[in-house]
N, C-alpha and C. Protein backbone atom coordinates (compact mmCIF):
# COMPACT_ATOMS: atom_id res chain seq x y z
N MET A 1 6.71 -6.17 -14.18
CA MET A 1 6.17 -5.40 -13.08
C MET A 1 7.27 -4.54 -12.45
N ILE A 2 8.43 -5.15 -12.20
CA ILE A 2 9.54 -4.41 -11.58
C ILE A 2 10.02 -3.32 -12.52
N GLN A 3 10.13 -3.64 -13.80
CA GLN A 3 10.59 -2.64 -14.77
C GLN A 3 9.63 -1.45 -14.85
N LYS A 4 8.34 -1.72 -14.83
CA LYS A 4 7.35 -0.64 -14.83
C LYS A 4 7.57 0.26 -13.61
N ALA A 5 7.68 -0.36 -12.44
CA ALA A 5 7.84 0.39 -11.20
C ALA A 5 9.13 1.22 -11.22
N GLU A 6 10.21 0.66 -11.73
CA GLU A 6 11.47 1.39 -11.81
C GLU A 6 11.36 2.57 -12.77
N THR A 7 10.65 2.39 -13.87
CA THR A 7 10.44 3.48 -14.83
C THR A 7 9.63 4.60 -14.17
N TRP A 8 8.57 4.24 -13.46
CA TRP A 8 7.76 5.24 -12.77
C TRP A 8 8.58 5.97 -11.71
N GLN A 9 9.44 5.23 -11.00
CA GLN A 9 10.28 5.86 -9.99
C GLN A 9 11.24 6.86 -10.63
N ARG A 10 11.85 6.50 -11.77
CA ARG A 10 12.75 7.43 -12.45
C ARG A 10 12.00 8.72 -12.82
N THR A 11 10.77 8.57 -13.25
CA THR A 11 9.96 9.75 -13.57
C THR A 11 9.77 10.61 -12.33
N ILE A 12 9.48 9.99 -11.20
CA ILE A 12 9.32 10.71 -9.93
C ILE A 12 10.62 11.42 -9.58
N PHE A 13 11.77 10.73 -9.73
CA PHE A 13 13.05 11.35 -9.40
C PHE A 13 13.26 12.63 -10.20
N ASN A 14 12.80 12.66 -11.44
CA ASN A 14 12.96 13.83 -12.29
C ASN A 14 12.10 15.01 -11.86
N THR A 15 11.13 14.80 -10.98
CA THR A 15 10.28 15.90 -10.51
C THR A 15 10.94 16.69 -9.40
N GLY A 16 11.99 16.16 -8.78
CA GLY A 16 12.63 16.81 -7.65
C GLY A 16 12.01 16.43 -6.32
N LEU A 17 10.98 15.61 -6.35
CA LEU A 17 10.29 15.22 -5.12
C LEU A 17 11.24 14.54 -4.13
N THR A 18 12.19 13.79 -4.63
CA THR A 18 13.05 13.02 -3.73
C THR A 18 14.05 13.88 -2.97
N THR A 19 14.15 15.16 -3.31
CA THR A 19 15.05 16.04 -2.57
C THR A 19 14.34 16.71 -1.41
N THR A 20 13.05 16.45 -1.25
CA THR A 20 12.29 17.02 -0.15
C THR A 20 11.95 15.93 0.85
N PRO A 21 11.86 16.27 2.14
CA PRO A 21 11.53 15.25 3.14
C PRO A 21 10.12 14.72 2.94
N ASN A 22 9.92 13.45 3.27
CA ASN A 22 8.57 12.90 3.20
C ASN A 22 8.03 12.75 4.61
N TYR A 23 6.79 12.32 4.73
CA TYR A 23 6.15 12.25 6.04
C TYR A 23 6.81 11.25 6.98
N THR A 24 7.61 10.33 6.46
CA THR A 24 8.29 9.38 7.34
C THR A 24 9.59 9.92 7.88
N GLY A 25 10.14 10.93 7.22
CA GLY A 25 11.44 11.44 7.61
C GLY A 25 12.57 10.58 7.07
N LEU A 26 12.23 9.56 6.30
CA LEU A 26 13.24 8.65 5.76
C LEU A 26 13.48 8.92 4.29
N SER A 27 14.67 8.62 3.86
CA SER A 27 14.98 8.71 2.43
C SER A 27 15.50 7.35 1.99
N VAL A 28 14.60 6.49 1.60
CA VAL A 28 14.93 5.14 1.17
C VAL A 28 15.00 5.14 -0.36
N GLU A 29 16.10 4.64 -0.89
CA GLU A 29 16.36 4.73 -2.32
C GLU A 29 15.23 4.19 -3.18
N ASN A 30 14.64 3.07 -2.80
CA ASN A 30 13.65 2.44 -3.67
C ASN A 30 12.22 2.53 -3.12
N ARG A 31 11.93 3.54 -2.31
CA ARG A 31 10.61 3.59 -1.66
C ARG A 31 9.47 3.69 -2.66
N PHE A 32 9.69 4.35 -3.79
CA PHE A 32 8.63 4.44 -4.79
C PHE A 32 8.44 3.10 -5.50
N VAL A 33 9.55 2.43 -5.80
CA VAL A 33 9.46 1.12 -6.46
C VAL A 33 8.65 0.16 -5.58
N ILE A 34 8.95 0.12 -4.30
CA ILE A 34 8.23 -0.77 -3.38
C ILE A 34 6.74 -0.45 -3.40
N GLY A 35 6.39 0.81 -3.30
CA GLY A 35 4.98 1.20 -3.31
C GLY A 35 4.29 0.85 -4.61
N TYR A 36 4.95 1.15 -5.73
CA TYR A 36 4.35 0.83 -7.03
C TYR A 36 4.17 -0.68 -7.21
N ILE A 37 5.16 -1.46 -6.82
CA ILE A 37 5.04 -2.91 -6.96
C ILE A 37 3.91 -3.42 -6.07
N GLY A 38 3.79 -2.89 -4.86
CA GLY A 38 2.68 -3.27 -3.99
C GLY A 38 1.34 -3.00 -4.64
N GLU A 39 1.21 -1.83 -5.27
CA GLU A 39 -0.04 -1.49 -5.95
C GLU A 39 -0.30 -2.44 -7.11
N LEU A 40 0.75 -2.75 -7.87
CA LEU A 40 0.58 -3.65 -9.02
C LEU A 40 0.23 -5.07 -8.57
N VAL A 41 0.84 -5.54 -7.49
CA VAL A 41 0.52 -6.87 -6.95
C VAL A 41 -0.96 -6.91 -6.57
N PHE A 42 -1.42 -5.87 -5.88
CA PHE A 42 -2.83 -5.86 -5.49
C PHE A 42 -3.75 -5.79 -6.71
N ALA A 43 -3.44 -4.91 -7.66
CA ALA A 43 -4.29 -4.76 -8.85
C ALA A 43 -4.37 -6.07 -9.63
N GLU A 44 -3.24 -6.76 -9.75
CA GLU A 44 -3.24 -8.05 -10.46
C GLU A 44 -4.05 -9.09 -9.68
N TRP A 45 -3.88 -9.13 -8.37
CA TRP A 45 -4.62 -10.06 -7.52
C TRP A 45 -6.12 -9.80 -7.65
N ALA A 46 -6.51 -8.52 -7.59
CA ALA A 46 -7.93 -8.18 -7.72
C ALA A 46 -8.46 -8.61 -9.08
N HIS A 47 -7.68 -8.40 -10.12
CA HIS A 47 -8.10 -8.80 -11.47
C HIS A 47 -8.27 -10.32 -11.56
N LEU A 48 -7.33 -11.06 -10.98
CA LEU A 48 -7.40 -12.53 -11.02
C LEU A 48 -8.65 -13.07 -10.30
N HIS A 49 -9.12 -12.32 -9.31
CA HIS A 49 -10.30 -12.74 -8.55
C HIS A 49 -11.56 -12.02 -9.00
N ASN A 50 -11.46 -11.33 -10.15
CA ASN A 50 -12.61 -10.64 -10.74
C ASN A 50 -13.22 -9.62 -9.77
N LEU A 51 -12.34 -8.93 -9.02
CA LEU A 51 -12.80 -7.91 -8.09
C LEU A 51 -12.69 -6.55 -8.75
N ARG A 52 -13.69 -5.75 -8.55
CA ARG A 52 -13.73 -4.46 -9.24
C ARG A 52 -12.88 -3.42 -8.52
N CYS A 53 -11.86 -2.93 -9.21
CA CYS A 53 -11.04 -1.84 -8.70
C CYS A 53 -10.40 -1.11 -9.87
N ASP A 54 -10.09 0.15 -9.64
CA ASP A 54 -9.38 0.96 -10.62
C ASP A 54 -8.05 1.37 -10.00
N HIS A 55 -6.99 1.28 -10.77
CA HIS A 55 -5.65 1.61 -10.30
C HIS A 55 -5.11 2.75 -11.14
N THR A 56 -4.68 3.82 -10.48
CA THR A 56 -4.15 5.00 -11.17
C THR A 56 -2.71 5.21 -10.73
N ILE A 57 -1.81 5.30 -11.70
CA ILE A 57 -0.41 5.58 -11.40
C ILE A 57 -0.18 7.08 -11.49
N VAL A 58 0.44 7.64 -10.46
CA VAL A 58 0.73 9.06 -10.42
C VAL A 58 2.25 9.22 -10.39
N THR A 59 2.80 9.92 -11.39
CA THR A 59 4.26 10.07 -11.46
C THR A 59 4.68 11.54 -11.59
N ASN A 60 3.79 12.46 -11.21
CA ASN A 60 4.12 13.87 -11.38
C ASN A 60 4.74 14.50 -10.13
N GLY A 61 5.01 13.69 -9.12
CA GLY A 61 5.65 14.21 -7.92
C GLY A 61 4.68 14.76 -6.91
N LYS A 62 3.39 14.65 -7.17
CA LYS A 62 2.37 15.14 -6.24
C LYS A 62 1.50 13.96 -5.80
N SER A 63 1.16 13.95 -4.54
CA SER A 63 0.28 12.91 -4.05
C SER A 63 -1.13 13.22 -4.52
N GLN A 64 -1.70 12.30 -5.23
CA GLN A 64 -3.07 12.47 -5.71
C GLN A 64 -3.86 11.23 -5.35
N ARG A 65 -5.04 11.44 -4.85
CA ARG A 65 -5.89 10.33 -4.48
C ARG A 65 -7.06 10.27 -5.43
N PRO A 66 -7.65 9.16 -5.63
CA PRO A 66 -7.20 7.86 -5.14
C PRO A 66 -6.22 7.20 -6.11
N GLU A 67 -5.29 6.45 -5.56
CA GLU A 67 -4.43 5.61 -6.39
C GLU A 67 -5.15 4.31 -6.70
N ILE A 68 -5.92 3.84 -5.74
CA ILE A 68 -6.74 2.64 -5.91
C ILE A 68 -8.17 3.01 -5.54
N THR A 69 -9.08 2.74 -6.43
CA THR A 69 -10.51 2.87 -6.12
C THR A 69 -11.06 1.46 -6.12
N ILE A 70 -11.67 1.09 -5.01
CA ILE A 70 -12.30 -0.22 -4.91
C ILE A 70 -13.81 -0.01 -4.83
N TYR A 71 -14.54 -1.04 -5.16
CA TYR A 71 -15.99 -0.91 -5.19
C TYR A 71 -16.60 -1.93 -4.23
N MET A 72 -17.41 -1.40 -3.32
CA MET A 72 -18.10 -2.22 -2.33
C MET A 72 -19.57 -1.82 -2.34
N GLY A 73 -20.44 -2.76 -2.59
CA GLY A 73 -21.87 -2.48 -2.60
C GLY A 73 -22.26 -1.41 -3.62
N GLY A 74 -21.54 -1.39 -4.74
CA GLY A 74 -21.81 -0.42 -5.78
C GLY A 74 -21.23 0.96 -5.55
N GLU A 75 -20.58 1.16 -4.41
CA GLU A 75 -20.00 2.46 -4.07
C GLU A 75 -18.49 2.45 -4.30
N ALA A 76 -17.97 3.56 -4.83
CA ALA A 76 -16.52 3.73 -4.99
C ALA A 76 -15.93 4.09 -3.63
N VAL A 77 -14.89 3.35 -3.23
CA VAL A 77 -14.22 3.56 -1.95
C VAL A 77 -12.74 3.79 -2.22
N MET A 78 -12.18 4.86 -1.64
CA MET A 78 -10.77 5.14 -1.83
C MET A 78 -9.93 4.15 -1.02
N GLY A 79 -8.98 3.53 -1.71
CA GLY A 79 -8.12 2.55 -1.06
C GLY A 79 -6.66 2.97 -1.09
N ASP A 80 -5.89 2.38 -0.20
CA ASP A 80 -4.45 2.61 -0.15
C ASP A 80 -3.78 1.27 0.07
N ILE A 81 -2.70 1.04 -0.65
CA ILE A 81 -1.95 -0.21 -0.53
C ILE A 81 -0.68 0.07 0.26
N LYS A 82 -0.46 -0.71 1.29
CA LYS A 82 0.76 -0.58 2.10
C LYS A 82 1.58 -1.84 1.87
N ALA A 83 2.79 -1.65 1.36
CA ALA A 83 3.64 -2.78 0.98
C ALA A 83 4.78 -2.97 1.97
N ALA A 84 4.89 -4.21 2.47
CA ALA A 84 6.05 -4.61 3.26
C ALA A 84 7.13 -5.04 2.27
N SER A 85 8.32 -4.50 2.39
CA SER A 85 9.34 -4.67 1.36
C SER A 85 10.14 -5.97 1.46
N ALA A 86 9.83 -6.81 2.43
CA ALA A 86 10.55 -8.09 2.55
C ALA A 86 9.58 -9.21 2.93
N TRP A 87 9.83 -10.38 2.40
CA TRP A 87 8.94 -11.52 2.58
C TRP A 87 8.83 -11.95 4.04
N HIS A 88 9.89 -11.76 4.82
CA HIS A 88 9.86 -12.20 6.22
C HIS A 88 9.16 -11.21 7.15
N TYR A 89 8.82 -10.03 6.66
CA TYR A 89 8.11 -9.08 7.50
C TYR A 89 6.73 -9.63 7.85
N ARG A 90 6.26 -9.29 9.06
CA ARG A 90 5.01 -9.87 9.56
C ARG A 90 3.95 -8.85 9.93
N LYS A 91 4.22 -7.57 9.64
CA LYS A 91 3.29 -6.53 10.08
C LYS A 91 2.90 -5.60 8.95
N ALA A 92 1.65 -5.15 8.99
CA ALA A 92 1.20 -4.02 8.19
C ALA A 92 1.59 -2.78 8.98
N MET A 93 2.22 -1.82 8.31
CA MET A 93 2.72 -0.64 9.01
C MET A 93 2.41 0.64 8.24
N LEU A 94 2.04 1.67 9.00
CA LEU A 94 1.77 3.00 8.44
C LEU A 94 2.37 4.03 9.39
N PRO A 95 3.19 4.94 8.89
CA PRO A 95 3.71 5.98 9.78
C PRO A 95 2.54 6.77 10.40
N VAL A 96 2.65 7.07 11.69
CA VAL A 96 1.61 7.83 12.37
C VAL A 96 1.40 9.18 11.68
N SER A 97 2.47 9.75 11.13
CA SER A 97 2.37 11.06 10.48
C SER A 97 1.70 11.00 9.11
N GLN A 98 1.43 9.79 8.59
CA GLN A 98 0.75 9.68 7.30
C GLN A 98 -0.72 10.02 7.47
N GLU A 99 -1.20 10.92 6.65
CA GLU A 99 -2.62 11.24 6.68
C GLU A 99 -3.42 10.02 6.28
N LEU A 100 -4.42 9.68 7.06
CA LEU A 100 -5.28 8.54 6.75
C LEU A 100 -6.42 9.04 5.87
N ASP A 101 -6.12 9.17 4.58
CA ASP A 101 -7.09 9.75 3.66
C ASP A 101 -7.78 8.72 2.78
N ALA A 102 -7.59 7.45 3.07
CA ALA A 102 -8.30 6.39 2.37
C ALA A 102 -9.32 5.78 3.34
N GLU A 103 -10.30 5.09 2.78
CA GLU A 103 -11.30 4.43 3.62
C GLU A 103 -10.96 2.97 3.88
N PHE A 104 -10.13 2.37 2.99
CA PHE A 104 -9.78 0.97 3.14
C PHE A 104 -8.30 0.80 2.80
N TYR A 105 -7.59 0.07 3.64
CA TYR A 105 -6.16 -0.16 3.47
C TYR A 105 -5.92 -1.65 3.25
N VAL A 106 -5.07 -1.96 2.28
CA VAL A 106 -4.72 -3.35 1.96
C VAL A 106 -3.23 -3.54 2.22
N ALA A 107 -2.89 -4.61 2.94
CA ALA A 107 -1.50 -4.93 3.22
C ALA A 107 -1.01 -5.97 2.21
N VAL A 108 0.16 -5.69 1.65
CA VAL A 108 0.81 -6.58 0.68
C VAL A 108 2.23 -6.79 1.17
N LYS A 109 2.75 -8.01 1.02
CA LYS A 109 4.17 -8.19 1.30
C LYS A 109 4.87 -8.65 0.03
N LEU A 110 6.12 -8.24 -0.10
CA LEU A 110 6.87 -8.46 -1.33
C LEU A 110 8.16 -9.22 -1.09
N ASP A 111 8.56 -9.94 -2.10
CA ASP A 111 9.89 -10.54 -2.19
C ASP A 111 10.36 -10.21 -3.61
N ILE A 112 10.95 -9.04 -3.77
CA ILE A 112 11.29 -8.57 -5.10
C ILE A 112 12.32 -9.48 -5.77
N GLY A 113 13.33 -9.90 -5.03
CA GLY A 113 14.34 -10.82 -5.59
C GLY A 113 13.74 -12.14 -6.01
N GLY A 114 12.77 -12.62 -5.25
CA GLY A 114 12.10 -13.88 -5.57
C GLY A 114 10.93 -13.69 -6.51
N ARG A 115 10.69 -12.45 -6.91
CA ARG A 115 9.63 -12.09 -7.86
C ARG A 115 8.26 -12.61 -7.42
N ARG A 116 7.93 -12.32 -6.15
CA ARG A 116 6.62 -12.72 -5.66
C ARG A 116 6.06 -11.65 -4.72
N GLY A 117 4.76 -11.66 -4.61
CA GLY A 117 4.06 -10.76 -3.71
C GLY A 117 2.76 -11.42 -3.30
N ALA A 118 2.22 -10.99 -2.16
CA ALA A 118 0.98 -11.58 -1.67
C ALA A 118 0.15 -10.53 -0.95
N VAL A 119 -1.15 -10.59 -1.17
CA VAL A 119 -2.09 -9.78 -0.41
C VAL A 119 -2.29 -10.46 0.93
N MET A 120 -2.13 -9.70 2.01
CA MET A 120 -2.15 -10.29 3.35
C MET A 120 -3.45 -10.03 4.12
N GLY A 121 -4.20 -9.03 3.71
CA GLY A 121 -5.44 -8.68 4.40
C GLY A 121 -5.66 -7.19 4.31
N GLY A 122 -6.62 -6.70 5.07
CA GLY A 122 -6.93 -5.29 4.99
C GLY A 122 -7.58 -4.77 6.26
N ALA A 123 -7.87 -3.47 6.24
CA ALA A 123 -8.50 -2.83 7.38
C ALA A 123 -9.20 -1.56 6.92
N PHE A 124 -10.35 -1.29 7.51
CA PHE A 124 -11.02 -0.02 7.28
C PHE A 124 -10.31 1.06 8.09
N LYS A 125 -10.44 2.30 7.66
CA LYS A 125 -9.79 3.43 8.32
C LYS A 125 -10.06 3.44 9.83
N MET A 126 -11.32 3.18 10.21
CA MET A 126 -11.67 3.21 11.63
C MET A 126 -10.88 2.16 12.43
N ASP A 127 -10.49 1.07 11.77
CA ASP A 127 -9.66 0.06 12.44
C ASP A 127 -8.19 0.47 12.47
N VAL A 128 -7.72 1.06 11.38
CA VAL A 128 -6.31 1.50 11.31
C VAL A 128 -6.03 2.52 12.42
N ILE A 129 -6.98 3.40 12.67
CA ILE A 129 -6.82 4.41 13.72
C ILE A 129 -6.55 3.74 15.07
N GLU A 130 -7.11 2.54 15.26
CA GLU A 130 -6.98 1.82 16.53
C GLU A 130 -5.76 0.89 16.59
N PHE A 131 -4.98 0.79 15.50
CA PHE A 131 -3.78 -0.06 15.54
C PHE A 131 -2.86 0.38 16.67
N ASP A 132 -2.08 -0.56 17.19
CA ASP A 132 -1.04 -0.22 18.15
C ASP A 132 -0.04 0.71 17.48
N THR A 133 0.70 1.46 18.28
CA THR A 133 1.75 2.30 17.74
C THR A 133 3.06 2.00 18.45
N GLY A 134 4.14 2.23 17.74
CA GLY A 134 5.47 2.02 18.31
C GLY A 134 6.50 2.69 17.42
N LYS A 135 7.73 2.70 17.88
CA LYS A 135 8.82 3.29 17.11
C LYS A 135 9.53 2.18 16.33
N PHE A 136 9.73 2.41 15.03
CA PHE A 136 10.35 1.40 14.17
C PHE A 136 11.46 2.02 13.35
N GLY A 137 12.35 1.17 12.91
CA GLY A 137 13.43 1.60 12.02
C GLY A 137 14.58 2.26 12.77
N ASP A 138 15.62 2.53 12.02
CA ASP A 138 16.81 3.14 12.59
C ASP A 138 16.55 4.53 13.16
N HIS A 139 15.52 5.19 12.64
CA HIS A 139 15.23 6.56 13.07
C HIS A 139 14.09 6.63 14.08
N GLY A 140 13.58 5.49 14.53
CA GLY A 140 12.52 5.47 15.53
C GLY A 140 11.26 6.18 15.09
N ILE A 141 10.79 5.85 13.90
CA ILE A 141 9.60 6.49 13.33
C ILE A 141 8.35 5.99 14.05
N ASP A 142 7.52 6.92 14.54
CA ASP A 142 6.24 6.54 15.15
C ASP A 142 5.38 5.89 14.07
N THR A 143 4.94 4.66 14.35
CA THR A 143 4.29 3.85 13.32
C THR A 143 3.09 3.11 13.89
N ARG A 144 2.00 3.12 13.12
CA ARG A 144 0.86 2.24 13.42
C ARG A 144 1.20 0.87 12.87
N PHE A 145 0.83 -0.19 13.58
CA PHE A 145 1.15 -1.52 13.07
C PHE A 145 0.13 -2.55 13.52
N CYS A 146 0.06 -3.62 12.73
CA CYS A 146 -0.81 -4.76 13.06
C CYS A 146 -0.19 -5.99 12.41
N ASP A 147 -0.08 -7.07 13.16
CA ASP A 147 0.41 -8.31 12.57
C ASP A 147 -0.52 -8.71 11.43
N PHE A 148 0.06 -9.26 10.36
CA PHE A 148 -0.76 -9.64 9.21
C PHE A 148 -1.92 -10.55 9.62
N GLU A 149 -1.64 -11.53 10.50
CA GLU A 149 -2.70 -12.49 10.85
C GLU A 149 -3.79 -11.87 11.72
N ASP A 150 -3.54 -10.67 12.25
CA ASP A 150 -4.54 -9.99 13.08
C ASP A 150 -5.28 -8.87 12.35
N LEU A 151 -5.00 -8.71 11.06
CA LEU A 151 -5.71 -7.67 10.31
C LEU A 151 -7.21 -7.93 10.39
N PRO A 152 -8.00 -6.87 10.59
CA PRO A 152 -9.45 -7.05 10.78
C PRO A 152 -10.17 -7.69 9.60
N VAL A 153 -9.65 -7.52 8.38
CA VAL A 153 -10.30 -8.08 7.21
C VAL A 153 -9.33 -9.07 6.55
N ALA A 154 -9.65 -10.35 6.65
CA ALA A 154 -8.80 -11.39 6.06
C ALA A 154 -8.92 -11.37 4.54
N VAL A 155 -7.97 -12.00 3.87
CA VAL A 155 -7.94 -12.02 2.41
C VAL A 155 -9.26 -12.54 1.84
N ASP A 156 -9.78 -13.65 2.36
CA ASP A 156 -11.04 -14.19 1.84
C ASP A 156 -12.20 -13.22 2.05
N GLU A 157 -12.17 -12.45 3.12
CA GLU A 157 -13.23 -11.46 3.37
C GLU A 157 -13.15 -10.30 2.37
N ILE A 158 -11.92 -9.95 1.96
CA ILE A 158 -11.78 -8.91 0.93
C ILE A 158 -12.50 -9.36 -0.33
N LYS A 159 -12.33 -10.61 -0.66
CA LYS A 159 -12.99 -11.14 -1.86
C LYS A 159 -14.51 -11.04 -1.76
N GLU A 160 -15.05 -11.16 -0.55
CA GLU A 160 -16.49 -11.06 -0.36
C GLU A 160 -16.97 -9.61 -0.31
N LEU A 161 -16.15 -8.71 0.23
CA LEU A 161 -16.53 -7.30 0.37
C LEU A 161 -16.58 -6.56 -0.96
N PHE A 162 -15.61 -6.86 -1.81
CA PHE A 162 -15.49 -6.13 -3.08
C PHE A 162 -16.54 -6.57 -4.07
N ASP A 163 -17.00 -5.63 -4.88
CA ASP A 163 -17.90 -5.97 -5.99
C ASP A 163 -17.13 -6.78 -7.02
N HIS A 164 -17.82 -7.62 -7.71
CA HIS A 164 -17.21 -8.44 -8.77
C HIS A 164 -17.60 -7.87 -10.13
N GLY A 165 -16.72 -8.10 -11.09
CA GLY A 165 -17.07 -7.69 -12.45
C GLY A 165 -16.12 -6.76 -13.10
């Protein structure tokens, strides 16, 4: 999983995308690896629970949606995976400047060194809009956040919401 994500990140680096500012204003060396691993953790978790979703990897340097398509009640719903890059982190976080172009957001936390990841819960777009906001990181990035245990959709509820098969 890590090797796949690193390969995809190298492909992204070759597009020149990393020389342009992103919506967070941050330039974190492994930000693509973290995102890709978060997506892979979720896709594997969904597969293990027989939940219907499609995962598309985009490595051309352009944001294309959907990266994750989930199915609820027979309808395709655009999803986004937000990955916390450390196991001790306790919040789902999205920069305020990030366009909320998905209908459902899933929080995943990672421990890359320990080779583990976990789905923590989720939220519909209408709930994400209502998350508290604050400044985070060394650069004081305006960020929407919610403690994992307070996410509106618990892990077991995700299993019930998603179509099976």
